[in-house]
């Protein structure tokens, strides 16, 4: 991996190109691409890989899925849905080569499992591992610092509980580890791996009904994820917010007949972290608010701190929409679209995918359609394997 790629990975990864001369507190904005595929903008967080949806089913529906009916991969997008799984236990594994139009050796791997304690309670666990491949480290004077393989992971434990036949809540505890710097020095301090703890709070609602003369299920979901401590790669200072995110959406499943079933989903996402203000040449804030504040203040203030006012706040909401068709509950076709404002990351792409179900085994595939000259996510592939065991409850 060439030095030029050090500038196109993530705020934490951008840190690798500047740690020998700049304090992390400076956080100079540089053009490039974050690990979740968005372009650099005035919302900065650590570990943006946590915003990547690992599930190929969701990935083929424009990254929408917070409210679609659950499967064994539900923990990756809305943990509350685990409470409505019918099988007593199962697990899933997903894999994706990531940013392959930029570099060949970045990838995301994800494994998860669930176990139903009883009719209303479900436990889950998962591991999300992000490898940034091999990097040739150099300083600003182009001196060789050796080869390094940065990596990040998140380990989750989930509890989901159903309340009646229509509603469930879920909570997830998360440990996050980010090792990007290989122990080099920055601003006179030795760097270290960043660690943090976070919680997700999620909800899911579904209700059988009749639409257009057909049986249907309408559903809604919400997931407030990565609410936790700040992360730093230095012993003191340089703290960054986690990518606290609000994901809400709805879905409708139409049961056409015994063989055909359609699902339509729509999701909205917003980062609940401070928007960077506009400063003058002296560093004084002339528009927006000071981003150096507590996590609760950052979350609640994220709805009103954009320098451009309400119009900019609206641009911070990204949209994912998708559709799914199942034939005989054995074969699925999917399509979707994801939109993010050009000023807020500029991820805009179509998605396609398919799924196959046989006995206890599911396989899902997703493909991202985008212009390779405009999107580093172009031609991204995602694969998921799901296994469900035991008698249906």
Protein backbone atom coordinates (compact mmCIF):
# COMPACT_ATOMS: atom_id res chain seq x y z
CA UNK A 1 0.00 0.00 0.00
CA UNK A 2 1.63 3.27 -1.17
CA UNK A 3 2.08 6.40 0.95
CA UNK A 4 -0.55 8.26 -1.06
CA UNK A 5 -3.21 5.92 0.31
CA UNK A 6 -2.46 7.04 3.85
CA UNK A 7 -4.47 10.17 3.07
CA UNK A 8 -7.63 8.39 1.97
CA UNK A 9 -8.73 6.14 4.80
CA UNK A 10 -10.20 7.74 7.94
CA UNK A 11 -9.78 10.60 10.38
CA UNK A 12 -7.83 8.17 12.52
CA UNK A 13 -5.98 6.95 9.45
CA UNK A 14 -5.25 10.49 8.29
CA UNK A 15 -3.54 10.76 11.65
CA UNK A 16 -0.84 8.41 10.33
CA UNK A 17 0.31 10.96 7.76
CA UNK A 18 0.64 13.83 10.21
CA UNK A 19 1.54 12.41 13.61
CA UNK A 20 5.25 13.30 13.30
CA UNK A 21 4.61 17.03 12.91
CA UNK A 22 1.09 17.93 14.06
CA UNK A 23 -0.74 17.67 17.34
CA UNK A 24 -3.87 15.59 17.02
CA UNK A 25 -5.74 18.49 18.58
CA UNK A 26 -5.12 20.46 15.39
CA UNK A 27 -7.22 18.03 13.33
CA UNK A 28 -6.45 19.75 10.01
CA UNK A 29 -9.06 18.84 7.41
CA UNK A 30 -7.59 16.99 4.45
CA UNK A 31 -9.32 15.77 1.32
CA UNK A 32 -9.82 12.03 1.15
CA UNK A 33 -12.03 9.10 1.97
CA UNK A 34 -13.10 7.72 5.34
CA UNK A 35 -13.25 4.02 6.02
CA UNK A 36 -17.05 4.03 5.65
CA UNK A 37 -16.60 5.25 2.08
CA UNK A 38 -17.67 8.88 2.54
CA UNK A 39 -15.53 11.85 1.58
CA UNK A 40 -14.01 14.04 4.27
CA UNK A 41 -16.41 16.67 5.59
CA UNK A 42 -16.96 18.85 8.63
CA UNK A 43 -18.27 16.01 10.82
CA UNK A 44 -15.30 14.07 12.19
CA UNK A 45 -15.29 10.95 14.31
CA UNK A 46 -13.01 8.11 15.28
CA UNK A 47 -13.58 4.55 14.00
CA UNK A 48 -16.00 5.30 11.11
CA UNK A 49 -15.86 1.60 10.19
CA UNK A 50 -18.63 1.14 12.79
CA UNK A 51 -21.01 2.83 10.32
CA UNK A 52 -20.53 0.12 7.70
CA UNK A 53 -23.46 -2.27 7.47
CA UNK A 54 -21.87 -5.74 7.26
CA UNK A 55 -25.08 -7.54 6.25
CA UNK A 56 -25.31 -8.33 2.52
CA UNK A 57 -29.12 -8.27 2.68
CA UNK A 58 -29.16 -4.69 3.94
CA UNK A 59 -26.24 -3.83 1.67
CA UNK A 60 -28.23 -4.84 -1.40
CA UNK A 61 -31.22 -2.68 -0.32
CA UNK A 62 -29.42 0.65 -0.22
CA UNK A 63 -28.20 -0.04 3.34
CA UNK A 64 -31.84 0.12 4.50
CA UNK A 65 -33.06 -2.52 6.94
CA UNK A 66 -33.62 -1.15 10.43
CA UNK A 67 -37.30 -2.10 10.10
CA UNK A 68 -37.32 -5.11 7.75
CA UNK A 69 -38.36 -8.45 9.23
CA UNK A 70 -35.47 -10.06 11.16
CA UNK A 71 -32.97 -12.74 10.29
CA UNK A 72 -29.83 -14.07 12.00
CA UNK A 73 -27.90 -10.95 10.90
CA UNK A 74 -30.34 -8.55 12.61
CA UNK A 75 -27.82 -7.64 15.30
CA UNK A 76 -25.73 -5.67 12.80
CA UNK A 77 -28.46 -3.12 12.05
CA UNK A 78 -31.17 -3.32 14.76
CA UNK A 79 -30.52 -5.60 17.78
CA UNK A 80 -34.13 -5.29 18.99
CA UNK A 81 -35.25 -7.46 16.07
CA UNK A 82 -33.54 -10.49 17.63
CA UNK A 83 -36.53 -10.88 19.96
CA UNK A 84 -38.76 -11.78 16.99
CA UNK A 85 -36.59 -14.54 15.52
CA UNK A 86 -38.46 -17.82 15.30
CA UNK A 87 -35.59 -20.31 15.61
CA UNK A 88 -34.09 -20.93 19.07
CA UNK A 89 -30.49 -20.28 18.00
CA UNK A 90 -28.34 -19.50 14.99
CA UNK A 91 -25.35 -17.59 13.69
CA UNK A 92 -24.23 -15.56 10.69
CA UNK A 93 -20.96 -14.59 9.01
CA UNK A 94 -20.34 -11.76 6.54
CA UNK A 95 -17.32 -10.64 4.53
CA UNK A 96 -16.59 -7.72 2.23
CA UNK A 97 -13.48 -6.52 0.39
CA UNK A 98 -13.70 -2.79 1.14
CA UNK A 99 -12.65 0.30 -0.87
CA UNK A 100 -11.30 -2.09 -3.49
CA UNK A 101 -11.24 0.65 -6.15
CA UNK A 102 -8.57 2.40 -4.04
CA UNK A 103 -6.53 -0.40 -2.50
CA UNK A 104 -6.64 -4.20 -2.79
CA UNK A 105 -6.19 -5.40 0.79
CA UNK A 106 -8.79 -3.68 3.01
CA UNK A 107 -11.63 -5.89 4.23
CA UNK A 108 -14.44 -6.12 6.75
CA UNK A 109 -15.39 -9.40 8.47
CA UNK A 110 -18.38 -9.89 10.77
CA UNK A 111 -19.68 -12.86 12.76
CA UNK A 112 -22.72 -12.93 15.04
CA UNK A 113 -24.86 -15.42 16.90
CA UNK A 114 -28.06 -15.49 18.94
CA UNK A 115 -29.75 -17.72 21.50
CA UNK A 116 -33.36 -17.43 22.68
CA UNK A 117 -33.59 -17.72 26.44
CA UNK A 118 -37.38 -18.12 26.29
CA UNK A 119 -40.33 -16.89 24.25
CA UNK A 120 -39.59 -13.23 24.92
CA UNK A 121 -35.85 -12.88 25.62
CA UNK A 122 -32.89 -13.32 23.30
CA UNK A 123 -29.14 -13.00 23.79
CA UNK A 124 -26.72 -12.13 21.01
CA UNK A 125 -23.00 -11.61 20.47
CA UNK A 126 -20.93 -10.41 17.53
CA UNK A 127 -17.44 -9.47 16.39
CA UNK A 128 -16.77 -6.87 13.69
CA UNK A 129 -13.16 -6.86 12.42
CA UNK A 130 -11.77 -4.26 10.03
CA UNK A 131 -8.34 -4.78 8.45
CA UNK A 132 -6.63 -1.88 6.68
CA UNK A 133 -4.11 -4.14 4.97
CA UNK A 134 -0.37 -3.52 4.92
CA UNK A 135 0.98 0.02 4.95
CA UNK A 136 4.45 1.36 4.22
CA UNK A 137 4.94 3.94 6.98
CA UNK A 138 7.08 7.01 6.24
CA UNK A 139 7.56 10.31 8.01
CA UNK A 140 7.26 13.77 6.43
CA UNK A 141 10.86 13.47 5.26
CA UNK A 142 10.04 10.21 3.45
CA UNK A 143 12.15 8.14 5.85
CA UNK A 144 11.12 4.49 5.95
CA UNK A 145 9.40 3.52 9.22
CA UNK A 146 8.64 -0.05 8.21
CA UNK A 147 5.57 -2.06 7.24
CA UNK A 148 2.54 -2.01 9.51
CA UNK A 149 -0.88 -3.70 9.44
CA UNK A 150 -3.42 -1.45 11.21
CA UNK A 151 -6.68 -3.01 12.32
CA UNK A 152 -9.82 -2.25 14.31
CA UNK A 153 -12.52 -4.37 15.89
CA UNK A 154 -15.71 -4.12 17.93
CA UNK A 155 -16.98 -6.85 20.27
CA UNK A 156 -20.72 -6.74 21.10
CA UNK A 157 -23.07 -8.37 23.59
CA UNK A 158 -26.83 -7.88 23.13
CA UNK A 159 -30.02 -8.47 25.07
CA UNK A 160 -33.39 -8.12 23.30
CA UNK A 161 -36.83 -8.52 24.85
CA UNK A 162 -40.24 -8.72 23.25
CA UNK A 163 -43.25 -6.98 24.82
CA UNK A 164 -46.36 -8.65 23.44
CA UNK A 165 -46.67 -9.69 19.81
CA UNK A 166 -45.79 -6.35 18.21
CA UNK A 167 -42.97 -4.52 20.04
CA UNK A 168 -39.44 -5.21 21.25
CA UNK A 169 -36.47 -3.35 22.74
CA UNK A 170 -32.79 -4.17 22.58
CA UNK A 171 -29.57 -2.95 24.12
CA UNK A 172 -25.99 -3.70 23.11
CA UNK A 173 -22.75 -3.20 25.05
CA UNK A 174 -19.72 -2.67 22.81
CA UNK A 175 -15.96 -2.72 23.33
CA UNK A 176 -14.00 -0.95 20.57
CA UNK A 177 -10.30 -1.35 19.82
CA UNK A 178 -8.47 0.66 17.13
CA UNK A 179 -4.75 0.07 16.52
CA UNK A 180 -3.68 2.48 13.77
CA UNK A 181 -0.41 4.08 14.82
CA UNK A 182 2.17 1.34 15.55
CA UNK A 183 3.31 3.17 18.70
CA UNK A 184 4.94 6.09 16.85
CA UNK A 185 5.42 9.55 18.39
CA UNK A 186 3.19 12.62 17.88
CA UNK A 187 3.68 16.05 19.47
CA UNK A 188 6.19 14.58 21.87
CA UNK A 189 3.90 11.77 22.98
CA UNK A 190 3.99 8.09 22.16
CA UNK A 191 0.84 6.94 20.43
CA UNK A 192 -1.21 3.97 21.54
CA UNK A 193 -4.15 1.89 20.43
CA UNK A 194 -7.46 3.66 20.94
CA UNK A 195 -10.11 1.95 23.08
CA UNK A 196 -13.67 2.89 23.97
CA UNK A 197 -16.92 1.52 25.34
CA UNK A 198 -20.33 2.20 23.84
CA UNK A 199 -24.00 1.25 24.02
CA UNK A 200 -26.72 0.80 21.41
CA UNK A 201 -30.39 1.32 22.23
CA UNK A 202 -32.87 -0.03 19.70
CA UNK A 203 -36.57 -0.67 19.16
CA UNK A 204 -38.68 -2.63 16.68
CA UNK A 205 -42.42 -2.68 15.97
CA UNK A 206 -44.40 -4.83 13.56
CA UNK A 207 -48.10 -5.28 12.98
CA UNK A 208 -50.03 -7.57 10.62
CA UNK A 209 -52.59 -5.74 8.51
CA UNK A 210 -54.24 -5.70 5.07
CA UNK A 211 -53.06 -3.45 2.23
CA UNK A 212 -54.48 -3.35 -1.28
CA UNK A 213 -56.55 -6.40 -0.43
CA UNK A 214 -53.46 -8.45 0.48
CA UNK A 215 -52.08 -9.62 3.80
CA UNK A 216 -49.24 -7.37 4.89
CA UNK A 217 -46.91 -6.57 7.75
CA UNK A 218 -46.00 -2.95 8.49
CA UNK A 219 -42.97 -2.35 10.69
CA UNK A 220 -40.84 0.43 12.13
CA UNK A 221 -37.42 0.42 13.74
CA UNK A 222 -34.90 2.69 15.41
CA UNK A 223 -31.31 2.18 16.50
CA UNK A 224 -29.24 4.74 18.42
CA UNK A 225 -25.75 3.29 18.16
CA UNK A 226 -22.23 3.97 19.46
CA UNK A 227 -23.25 6.09 22.46
CA UNK A 228 -20.06 5.97 24.47
CA UNK A 229 -16.73 7.31 25.61
CA UNK A 230 -14.44 9.36 23.42
CA UNK A 231 -11.37 7.75 21.85
CA UNK A 232 -7.76 8.95 21.78
CA UNK A 233 -4.53 7.62 20.28
CA UNK A 234 -2.42 9.64 22.74
CA UNK A 235 -1.82 9.26 26.46
CA UNK A 236 -3.31 12.72 27.06
CA UNK A 237 -5.52 14.84 24.81
CA UNK A 238 -6.51 14.27 21.20
CA UNK A 239 -9.93 12.81 22.07
CA UNK A 240 -12.42 12.19 19.28
CA UNK A 241 -16.12 11.37 19.36
CA UNK A 242 -17.34 7.91 18.42
CA UNK A 243 -19.67 7.83 15.38
CA UNK A 244 -22.86 8.03 17.45
CA UNK A 245 -25.64 7.49 14.93
CA UNK A 246 -29.43 7.66 14.80
CA UNK A 247 -31.01 5.24 12.33
CA UNK A 248 -34.80 5.20 11.99
CA UNK A 249 -37.00 3.72 9.32
CA UNK A 250 -40.06 1.84 8.22
CA UNK A 251 -40.87 -1.16 6.03
CA UNK A 252 -43.89 -2.83 4.50
CA UNK A 253 -44.08 -6.49 3.52
CA UNK A 254 -46.85 -7.47 1.09
CA UNK A 255 -47.76 -11.18 0.91
CA UNK A 256 -49.08 -11.48 -2.64
CA UNK A 257 -49.84 -15.20 -2.51
CA UNK A 258 -48.35 -18.45 -1.21
CA UNK A 259 -45.25 -17.95 -3.38
CA UNK A 260 -44.60 -14.22 -3.75
CA UNK A 261 -43.69 -11.63 -1.13
CA UNK A 262 -42.48 -8.03 -1.57
CA UNK A 263 -40.78 -5.81 1.02
CA UNK A 264 -40.18 -2.06 0.67
CA UNK A 265 -37.91 -0.27 3.16
CA UNK A 266 -36.87 3.32 3.85
CA UNK A 267 -34.20 4.41 6.38
CA UNK A 268 -32.91 7.78 7.59
CA UNK A 269 -29.50 8.24 9.25
CA UNK A 270 -27.95 11.13 11.16
CA UNK A 271 -24.68 11.34 13.02
CA UNK A 272 -25.19 12.61 16.57
CA UNK A 273 -21.80 14.28 16.96
CA UNK A 274 -20.74 17.94 16.74
CA UNK A 275 -20.44 19.61 13.35
CA UNK A 276 -17.13 21.43 13.02
CA UNK A 277 -17.56 25.23 13.08
CA UNK A 278 -16.18 27.81 10.67
CA UNK A 279 -13.19 29.67 12.05
CA UNK A 280 -11.30 32.77 11.00
CA UNK A 281 -7.55 32.98 10.47
CA UNK A 282 -7.04 33.43 14.21
CA UNK A 283 -8.94 30.25 15.02
CA UNK A 284 -11.97 32.07 16.43
CA UNK A 285 -15.40 30.59 15.71
CA UNK A 286 -17.43 32.79 13.36
CA UNK A 287 -20.24 30.30 12.60
CA UNK A 288 -21.39 27.19 14.41
CA UNK A 289 -20.56 26.02 17.91
CA UNK A 290 -17.49 24.85 19.79
CA UNK A 291 -17.12 21.06 19.20
CA UNK A 292 -15.04 20.57 22.36
CA UNK A 293 -17.84 19.42 24.66
CA UNK A 294 -19.15 16.38 26.50
CA UNK A 295 -20.73 13.37 24.82
CA UNK A 296 -24.30 14.17 26.00
CA UNK A 297 -23.91 17.79 24.92
CA UNK A 298 -22.55 16.63 21.56
CA UNK A 299 -25.49 14.29 20.99
CA UNK A 300 -28.25 16.78 21.83
CA UNK A 301 -26.41 19.70 20.27
CA UNK A 302 -25.93 17.83 16.98
CA UNK A 303 -29.43 18.87 15.91
CA UNK A 304 -28.66 22.60 16.02
CA UNK A 305 -24.90 23.20 15.72
CA UNK A 306 -24.33 23.25 11.94
CA UNK A 307 -22.75 26.54 10.77
CA UNK A 308 -25.25 26.73 7.91
CA UNK A 309 -28.28 26.46 10.17
CA UNK A 310 -31.32 24.28 9.57
CA UNK A 311 -30.62 23.78 5.86
CA UNK A 312 -27.24 22.25 6.70
CA UNK A 313 -28.76 20.09 9.43
CA UNK A 314 -31.11 18.60 6.81
CA UNK A 315 -28.14 17.79 4.59
CA UNK A 316 -26.66 15.74 7.44
CA UNK A 317 -29.49 13.21 7.05
CA UNK A 318 -28.66 10.39 4.62
CA UNK A 319 -31.35 8.20 3.07
CA UNK A 320 -31.40 4.52 2.15
CA UNK A 321 -34.26 2.90 0.25
CA UNK A 322 -34.64 -0.66 -0.94
CA UNK A 323 -36.95 -3.40 -2.20
CA UNK A 324 -36.90 -7.17 -1.83
CA UNK A 325 -38.79 -9.95 -3.60
CA UNK A 326 -39.02 -13.49 -2.23
CA UNK A 327 -40.24 -16.42 -4.30
CA UNK A 328 -41.51 -19.36 -2.25
CA UNK A 329 -39.32 -18.22 0.65
CA UNK A 330 -36.38 -19.77 -1.18
CA UNK A 331 -35.04 -17.21 -3.65
CA UNK A 332 -34.77 -13.43 -3.26
CA UNK A 333 -33.94 -10.49 -5.53
CA UNK A 334 -33.08 -7.07 -4.07
CA UNK A 335 -32.29 -3.52 -5.19
CA UNK A 336 -31.81 -0.16 -3.50
CA UNK A 337 -30.36 3.33 -3.53
CA UNK A 338 -28.36 5.31 -0.96
CA UNK A 339 -28.09 9.10 -0.92
CA UNK A 340 -25.82 11.37 1.10
CA UNK A 341 -25.48 15.11 0.44
CA UNK A 342 -22.31 16.04 -1.50
CA UNK A 343 -21.25 18.41 1.30
CA UNK A 344 -21.67 15.68 3.94
CA UNK A 345 -19.80 12.73 2.49
CA UNK A 346 -21.18 12.37 -1.04
CA UNK A 347 -22.02 8.67 -0.93
CA UNK A 348 -24.54 8.10 -3.72
CA UNK A 349 -24.98 4.68 -5.27
CA UNK A 350 -27.34 1.94 -6.44
CA UNK A 351 -27.22 -1.56 -5.00
CA UNK A 352 -28.27 -4.99 -6.27
CA UNK A 353 -28.36 -8.37 -4.60
CA UNK A 354 -29.81 -11.84 -4.32
CA UNK A 355 -30.48 -14.43 -1.65
CA UNK A 356 -30.95 -18.18 -1.51
CA UNK A 357 -32.55 -20.10 1.36
CA UNK A 358 -32.33 -23.86 1.75
CA UNK A 359 -33.34 -25.66 4.93
CA UNK A 360 -31.35 -24.05 7.79
CA UNK A 361 -28.95 -22.30 5.44
CA UNK A 362 -29.14 -18.82 3.81
CA UNK A 363 -26.67 -17.12 1.52
CA UNK A 364 -26.93 -13.43 0.55
CA UNK A 365 -24.94 -11.43 -1.98
CA UNK A 366 -24.76 -7.65 -2.55
CA UNK A 367 -23.15 -5.54 -5.28
CA UNK A 368 -22.71 -1.77 -5.22
CA UNK A 369 -23.12 0.15 -8.49
CA UNK A 370 -21.29 3.48 -8.64
CA UNK A 371 -18.98 5.47 -10.90
CA UNK A 372 -15.40 4.36 -10.07
CA UNK A 373 -14.14 7.90 -10.82
CA UNK A 374 -16.55 9.41 -8.29
CA UNK A 375 -17.00 6.78 -5.61
CA UNK A 376 -14.34 4.72 -3.79
CA UNK A 377 -17.13 2.24 -2.99
CA UNK A 378 -17.69 1.33 -6.65
CA UNK A 379 -17.99 -2.42 -7.31
CA UNK A 380 -18.06 -3.29 -3.62
CA UNK A 381 -19.16 -6.87 -2.90
CA UNK A 382 -20.69 -8.22 0.32
CA UNK A 383 -21.37 -11.85 1.21
CA UNK A 384 -23.37 -13.27 4.13
CA UNK A 385 -23.99 -16.79 5.35
CA UNK A 386 -26.79 -17.43 7.84
CA UNK A 387 -27.66 -20.57 9.80
CA UNK A 388 -30.82 -21.11 11.88
CA UNK A 389 -31.21 -24.22 14.02
CA UNK A 390 -33.89 -25.93 16.10
CA UNK A 391 -37.66 -26.09 15.85
CA UNK A 392 -39.58 -22.90 15.12
CA UNK A 393 -41.06 -21.28 18.23
